[in-house]
Protein backbone atom coordinates (compact mmCIF):
# COMPACT_ATOMS: atom_id res chain seq x y z
CA UNK A 1 0.00 0.00 0.00
CA UNK A 2 2.92 2.34 0.37
CA UNK A 3 3.07 2.88 -3.39
CA UNK A 4 -0.68 3.39 -3.71
CA UNK A 5 -1.02 6.95 -2.43
CA UNK A 6 -3.10 7.99 -5.47
CA UNK A 7 -6.05 5.66 -4.81
CA UNK A 8 -9.43 7.41 -4.82
CA UNK A 9 -11.70 4.67 -3.48
CA UNK A 10 -11.17 1.85 -0.97
CA UNK A 11 -14.19 -0.42 -1.12
CA UNK A 12 -13.45 -3.39 1.10
CA UNK A 13 -16.88 -3.94 2.63
CA UNK A 14 -18.40 -7.36 3.36
CA UNK A 15 -15.10 -9.22 2.99
CA UNK A 16 -14.82 -10.82 6.45
CA UNK A 17 -11.67 -8.77 7.05
CA UNK A 18 -10.19 -9.24 10.52
CA UNK A 19 -7.55 -7.48 12.59
CA UNK A 20 -6.85 -3.79 13.04
CA UNK A 21 -7.26 -1.03 10.48
CA UNK A 22 -3.72 -0.15 9.34
CA UNK A 23 -2.48 3.34 10.25
CA UNK A 24 -0.90 3.44 6.77
CA UNK A 25 -4.33 3.98 5.20
CA UNK A 26 -3.97 7.56 6.44
CA UNK A 27 -1.23 8.04 3.83
CA UNK A 28 -3.66 7.70 0.90
CA UNK A 29 -3.86 11.47 0.44
CA UNK A 30 -6.26 11.51 -2.52
CA UNK A 31 -8.71 9.01 -1.00
CA UNK A 32 -12.33 10.12 -1.48
CA UNK A 33 -14.24 7.10 -0.16
CA UNK A 34 -13.34 4.43 2.37
CA UNK A 35 -15.86 1.63 2.83
CA UNK A 36 -14.77 -0.95 5.40
CA UNK A 37 -18.22 -1.76 6.77
CA UNK A 38 -19.61 -5.22 7.53
CA UNK A 39 -16.29 -6.83 8.36
CA UNK A 40 -14.78 -8.08 11.62
CA UNK A 41 -12.27 -5.30 12.13
CA UNK A 42 -11.23 -4.49 15.69
CA UNK A 43 -9.06 -2.03 17.55
CA UNK A 44 -9.19 1.74 17.35
CA UNK A 45 -10.01 4.07 14.48
CA UNK A 46 -6.58 5.25 13.28
CA UNK A 47 -5.74 8.87 14.10
CA UNK A 48 -3.99 8.96 10.73
CA UNK A 49 -7.43 9.14 9.07
CA UNK A 50 -7.30 12.82 10.04
CA UNK A 51 -4.75 13.32 7.23
CA UNK A 52 -7.25 12.22 4.55
CA UNK A 53 -8.20 15.77 3.57
CA UNK A 54 -10.03 14.67 0.37
CA UNK A 55 -12.17 12.07 2.16
CA UNK A 56 -15.90 12.52 1.57
CA UNK A 57 -17.26 9.12 2.67
CA UNK A 58 -16.09 7.06 5.65
CA UNK A 59 -18.17 4.00 6.43
CA UNK A 60 -16.66 1.73 9.06
CA UNK A 61 -19.92 0.56 10.62
CA UNK A 62 -20.76 -3.03 11.60
CA UNK A 63 -17.33 -4.03 12.85
CA UNK A 64 -15.86 -4.54 16.33
CA UNK A 65 -14.04 -1.22 16.67
CA UNK A 66 -13.26 0.08 20.16
CA UNK A 67 -12.00 3.28 21.75
CA UNK A 68 -13.16 6.81 21.01
CA UNK A 69 -13.58 8.75 17.77
CA UNK A 70 -10.23 10.45 17.10
CA UNK A 71 -10.44 14.23 17.37
CA UNK A 72 -8.40 14.38 14.15
CA UNK A 73 -11.50 13.36 12.19
CA UNK A 74 -13.15 16.68 13.05
CA UNK A 75 -10.64 18.42 10.74
CA UNK A 76 -11.93 16.60 7.63
CA UNK A 77 -13.91 19.48 6.16
CA UNK A 78 -14.89 17.57 2.99
CA UNK A 79 -16.37 14.64 4.93
CA UNK A 80 -20.05 14.36 3.98
CA UNK A 81 -20.94 10.84 5.14
CA UNK A 82 -19.68 9.19 8.32
CA UNK A 83 -21.04 5.92 9.68
CA UNK A 84 -19.48 4.34 12.76
CA UNK A 85 -22.67 2.61 13.95
CA UNK A 86 -22.76 -0.93 15.32
CA UNK A 87 -19.29 -1.09 16.82
CA UNK A 88 -18.11 -0.94 20.44
CA UNK A 89 -16.94 2.68 20.40
CA UNK A 90 -17.16 4.76 23.57
CA UNK A 91 -16.53 8.22 24.92
CA UNK A 92 -18.26 11.28 23.54
CA UNK A 93 -19.37 12.21 20.05
CA UNK A 94 -17.43 15.25 18.79
CA UNK A 95 -19.45 18.36 17.97
CA UNK A 96 -16.76 20.17 15.99
CA UNK A 97 -16.40 20.42 12.23
CA UNK A 98 -18.92 18.46 10.17
CA UNK A 99 -19.84 16.24 13.11
CA UNK A 100 -22.81 18.37 14.07
CA UNK A 101 -24.38 17.64 10.67
CA UNK A 102 -24.09 13.83 10.80
CA UNK A 103 -27.35 12.06 11.74
CA UNK A 104 -27.51 10.26 15.09
CA UNK A 105 -28.02 6.98 13.22
CA UNK A 106 -24.36 7.26 12.21
CA UNK A 107 -23.39 6.69 15.85
CA UNK A 108 -26.03 4.25 17.14
CA UNK A 109 -25.36 0.90 18.80
CA UNK A 110 -22.09 1.92 20.42
CA UNK A 111 -21.30 2.93 24.01
CA UNK A 112 -21.18 6.69 23.47
CA UNK A 113 -22.14 8.87 26.41
CA UNK A 114 -23.47 11.91 24.56
CA UNK A 115 -21.97 14.92 22.82
CA UNK A 116 -18.53 16.17 23.75
CA UNK A 117 -18.31 18.33 26.85
CA UNK A 118 -16.21 21.46 26.79
CA UNK A 119 -13.82 22.20 29.64
CA UNK A 120 -11.35 20.15 31.62
CA UNK A 121 -12.88 16.70 31.11
CA UNK A 122 -10.45 14.55 29.06
CA UNK A 123 -11.63 13.82 25.52
CA UNK A 124 -11.72 10.04 25.98
CA UNK A 125 -12.86 10.08 29.61
CA UNK A 126 -14.52 6.82 30.58
CA UNK A 127 -13.43 4.97 27.49
C-alpha atoms as a PDB file:
ATOM      1  CA  UNK A   1       0.000   0.000   0.000  1.00  0.00           C
ATOM      2  CA  UNK A   2       2.923   2.342   0.369  1.00  0.00           C
ATOM      3  CA  UNK A   3       3.072   2.875  -3.392  1.00  0.00           C
ATOM      4  CA  UNK A   4      -0.685   3.391  -3.711  1.00  0.00           C
ATOM      5  CA  UNK A   5      -1.023   6.948  -2.426  1.00  0.00           C
ATOM      6  CA  UNK A   6      -3.105   7.986  -5.468  1.00  0.00           C
ATOM      7  CA  UNK A   7      -6.054   5.656  -4.810  1.00  0.00           C
ATOM      8  CA  UNK A   8      -9.426   7.414  -4.817  1.00  0.00           C
ATOM      9  CA  UNK A   9     -11.701   4.673  -3.484  1.00  0.00           C
ATOM     10  CA  UNK A  10     -11.168   1.846  -0.970  1.00  0.00           C
ATOM     11  CA  UNK A  11     -14.188  -0.423  -1.123  1.00  0.00           C
ATOM     12  CA  UNK A  12     -13.452  -3.395   1.096  1.00  0.00           C
ATOM     13  CA  UNK A  13     -16.878  -3.941   2.629  1.00  0.00           C
ATOM     14  CA  UNK A  14     -18.395  -7.364   3.360  1.00  0.00           C
ATOM     15  CA  UNK A  15     -15.098  -9.221   2.989  1.00  0.00           C
ATOM     16  CA  UNK A  16     -14.824 -10.817   6.447  1.00  0.00           C
ATOM     17  CA  UNK A  17     -11.668  -8.768   7.050  1.00  0.00           C
ATOM     18  CA  UNK A  18     -10.191  -9.240  10.522  1.00  0.00           C
ATOM     19  CA  UNK A  19      -7.552  -7.475  12.587  1.00  0.00           C
ATOM     20  CA  UNK A  20      -6.845  -3.789  13.043  1.00  0.00           C
ATOM     21  CA  UNK A  21      -7.265  -1.031  10.479  1.00  0.00           C
ATOM     22  CA  UNK A  22      -3.718  -0.152   9.337  1.00  0.00           C
ATOM     23  CA  UNK A  23      -2.475   3.344  10.250  1.00  0.00           C
ATOM     24  CA  UNK A  24      -0.904   3.437   6.773  1.00  0.00           C
ATOM     25  CA  UNK A  25      -4.334   3.981   5.200  1.00  0.00           C
ATOM     26  CA  UNK A  26      -3.968   7.557   6.439  1.00  0.00           C
ATOM     27  CA  UNK A  27      -1.225   8.042   3.827  1.00  0.00           C
ATOM     28  CA  UNK A  28      -3.660   7.695   0.898  1.00  0.00           C
ATOM     29  CA  UNK A  29      -3.857  11.472   0.444  1.00  0.00           C
ATOM     30  CA  UNK A  30      -6.265  11.505  -2.519  1.00  0.00           C
ATOM     31  CA  UNK A  31      -8.710   9.011  -0.998  1.00  0.00           C
ATOM     32  CA  UNK A  32     -12.329  10.119  -1.476  1.00  0.00           C
ATOM     33  CA  UNK A  33     -14.237   7.098  -0.165  1.00  0.00           C
ATOM     34  CA  UNK A  34     -13.336   4.428   2.367  1.00  0.00           C
ATOM     35  CA  UNK A  35     -15.858   1.631   2.834  1.00  0.00           C
ATOM     36  CA  UNK A  36     -14.775  -0.946   5.399  1.00  0.00           C
ATOM     37  CA  UNK A  37     -18.222  -1.759   6.767  1.00  0.00           C
ATOM     38  CA  UNK A  38     -19.612  -5.224   7.526  1.00  0.00           C
ATOM     39  CA  UNK A  39     -16.287  -6.834   8.362  1.00  0.00           C
ATOM     40  CA  UNK A  40     -14.780  -8.077  11.621  1.00  0.00           C
ATOM     41  CA  UNK A  41     -12.265  -5.297  12.132  1.00  0.00           C
ATOM     42  CA  UNK A  42     -11.233  -4.486  15.690  1.00  0.00           C
ATOM     43  CA  UNK A  43      -9.060  -2.030  17.545  1.00  0.00           C
ATOM     44  CA  UNK A  44      -9.189   1.742  17.347  1.00  0.00           C
ATOM     45  CA  UNK A  45     -10.010   4.069  14.483  1.00  0.00           C
ATOM     46  CA  UNK A  46      -6.577   5.247  13.280  1.00  0.00           C
ATOM     47  CA  UNK A  47      -5.744   8.865  14.099  1.00  0.00           C
ATOM     48  CA  UNK A  48      -3.989   8.963  10.727  1.00  0.00           C
ATOM     49  CA  UNK A  49      -7.427   9.140   9.073  1.00  0.00           C
ATOM     50  CA  UNK A  50      -7.303  12.823  10.037  1.00  0.00           C
ATOM     51  CA  UNK A  51      -4.755  13.316   7.225  1.00  0.00           C
ATOM     52  CA  UNK A  52      -7.247  12.216   4.547  1.00  0.00           C
ATOM     53  CA  UNK A  53      -8.202  15.771   3.572  1.00  0.00           C
ATOM     54  CA  UNK A  54     -10.034  14.674   0.374  1.00  0.00           C
ATOM     55  CA  UNK A  55     -12.169  12.072   2.155  1.00  0.00           C
ATOM     56  CA  UNK A  56     -15.903  12.524   1.574  1.00  0.00           C
ATOM     57  CA  UNK A  57     -17.256   9.115   2.668  1.00  0.00           C
ATOM     58  CA  UNK A  58     -16.093   7.062   5.654  1.00  0.00           C
ATOM     59  CA  UNK A  59     -18.167   3.996   6.426  1.00  0.00           C
ATOM     60  CA  UNK A  60     -16.661   1.732   9.063  1.00  0.00           C
ATOM     61  CA  UNK A  61     -19.920   0.555  10.616  1.00  0.00           C
ATOM     62  CA  UNK A  62     -20.756  -3.031  11.597  1.00  0.00           C
ATOM     63  CA  UNK A  63     -17.326  -4.027  12.845  1.00  0.00           C
ATOM     64  CA  UNK A  64     -15.862  -4.543  16.330  1.00  0.00           C
ATOM     65  CA  UNK A  65     -14.044  -1.219  16.666  1.00  0.00           C
ATOM     66  CA  UNK A  66     -13.259   0.080  20.162  1.00  0.00           C
ATOM     67  CA  UNK A  67     -11.999   3.284  21.749  1.00  0.00           C
ATOM     68  CA  UNK A  68     -13.161   6.808  21.007  1.00  0.00           C
ATOM     69  CA  UNK A  69     -13.576   8.746  17.774  1.00  0.00           C
ATOM     70  CA  UNK A  70     -10.228  10.449  17.100  1.00  0.00           C
ATOM     71  CA  UNK A  71     -10.438  14.233  17.369  1.00  0.00           C
ATOM     72  CA  UNK A  72      -8.397  14.378  14.147  1.00  0.00           C
ATOM     73  CA  UNK A  73     -11.504  13.358  12.185  1.00  0.00           C
ATOM     74  CA  UNK A  74     -13.153  16.680  13.049  1.00  0.00           C
ATOM     75  CA  UNK A  75     -10.643  18.415  10.741  1.00  0.00           C
ATOM     76  CA  UNK A  76     -11.925  16.596   7.629  1.00  0.00           C
ATOM     77  CA  UNK A  77     -13.910  19.480   6.157  1.00  0.00           C
ATOM     78  CA  UNK A  78     -14.895  17.572   2.986  1.00  0.00           C
ATOM     79  CA  UNK A  79     -16.365  14.640   4.928  1.00  0.00           C
ATOM     80  CA  UNK A  80     -20.052  14.362   3.982  1.00  0.00           C
ATOM     81  CA  UNK A  81     -20.943  10.839   5.140  1.00  0.00           C
ATOM     82  CA  UNK A  82     -19.680   9.192   8.318  1.00  0.00           C
ATOM     83  CA  UNK A  83     -21.037   5.921   9.678  1.00  0.00           C
ATOM     84  CA  UNK A  84     -19.477   4.336  12.760  1.00  0.00           C
ATOM     85  CA  UNK A  85     -22.666   2.610  13.950  1.00  0.00           C
ATOM     86  CA  UNK A  86     -22.764  -0.934  15.318  1.00  0.00           C
ATOM     87  CA  UNK A  87     -19.286  -1.088  16.820  1.00  0.00           C
ATOM     88  CA  UNK A  88     -18.107  -0.945  20.439  1.00  0.00           C
ATOM     89  CA  UNK A  89     -16.937   2.681  20.400  1.00  0.00           C
ATOM     90  CA  UNK A  90     -17.161   4.764  23.569  1.00  0.00           C
ATOM     91  CA  UNK A  91     -16.531   8.225  24.925  1.00  0.00           C
ATOM     92  CA  UNK A  92     -18.255  11.276  23.542  1.00  0.00           C
ATOM     93  CA  UNK A  93     -19.368  12.205  20.053  1.00  0.00           C
ATOM     94  CA  UNK A  94     -17.428  15.247  18.792  1.00  0.00           C
ATOM     95  CA  UNK A  95     -19.453  18.355  17.971  1.00  0.00           C
ATOM     96  CA  UNK A  96     -16.764  20.173  15.987  1.00  0.00           C
ATOM     97  CA  UNK A  97     -16.403  20.421  12.226  1.00  0.00           C
ATOM     98  CA  UNK A  98     -18.916  18.465  10.174  1.00  0.00           C
ATOM     99  CA  UNK A  99     -19.837  16.236  13.106  1.00  0.00           C
ATOM    100  CA  UNK A 100     -22.811  18.373  14.072  1.00  0.00           C
ATOM    101  CA  UNK A 101     -24.381  17.640  10.667  1.00  0.00           C
ATOM    102  CA  UNK A 102     -24.089  13.831  10.801  1.00  0.00           C
ATOM    103  CA  UNK A 103     -27.352  12.064  11.739  1.00  0.00           C
ATOM    104  CA  UNK A 104     -27.506  10.264  15.088  1.00  0.00           C
ATOM    105  CA  UNK A 105     -28.023   6.979  13.216  1.00  0.00           C
ATOM    106  CA  UNK A 106     -24.360   7.255  12.211  1.00  0.00           C
ATOM    107  CA  UNK A 107     -23.391   6.691  15.850  1.00  0.00           C
ATOM    108  CA  UNK A 108     -26.030   4.254  17.138  1.00  0.00           C
ATOM    109  CA  UNK A 109     -25.355   0.902  18.803  1.00  0.00           C
ATOM    110  CA  UNK A 110     -22.085   1.924  20.420  1.00  0.00           C
ATOM    111  CA  UNK A 111     -21.305   2.929  24.005  1.00  0.00           C
ATOM    112  CA  UNK A 112     -21.178   6.686  23.472  1.00  0.00           C
ATOM    113  CA  UNK A 113     -22.143   8.866  26.409  1.00  0.00           C
ATOM    114  CA  UNK A 114     -23.466  11.910  24.560  1.00  0.00           C
ATOM    115  CA  UNK A 115     -21.966  14.924  22.821  1.00  0.00           C
ATOM    116  CA  UNK A 116     -18.534  16.168  23.746  1.00  0.00           C
ATOM    117  CA  UNK A 117     -18.315  18.327  26.847  1.00  0.00           C
ATOM    118  CA  UNK A 118     -16.207  21.456  26.792  1.00  0.00           C
ATOM    119  CA  UNK A 119     -13.823  22.201  29.635  1.00  0.00           C
ATOM    120  CA  UNK A 120     -11.354  20.153  31.619  1.00  0.00           C
ATOM    121  CA  UNK A 121     -12.877  16.702  31.108  1.00  0.00           C
ATOM    122  CA  UNK A 122     -10.446  14.554  29.063  1.00  0.00           C
ATOM    123  CA  UNK A 123     -11.630  13.822  25.522  1.00  0.00           C
ATOM    124  CA  UNK A 124     -11.722  10.041  25.985  1.00  0.00           C
ATOM    125  CA  UNK A 125     -12.864  10.084  29.610  1.00  0.00           C
ATOM    126  CA  UNK A 126     -14.521   6.823  30.579  1.00  0.00           C
ATOM    127  CA  UNK A 127     -13.431   4.967  27.490  1.00  0.00           C
END
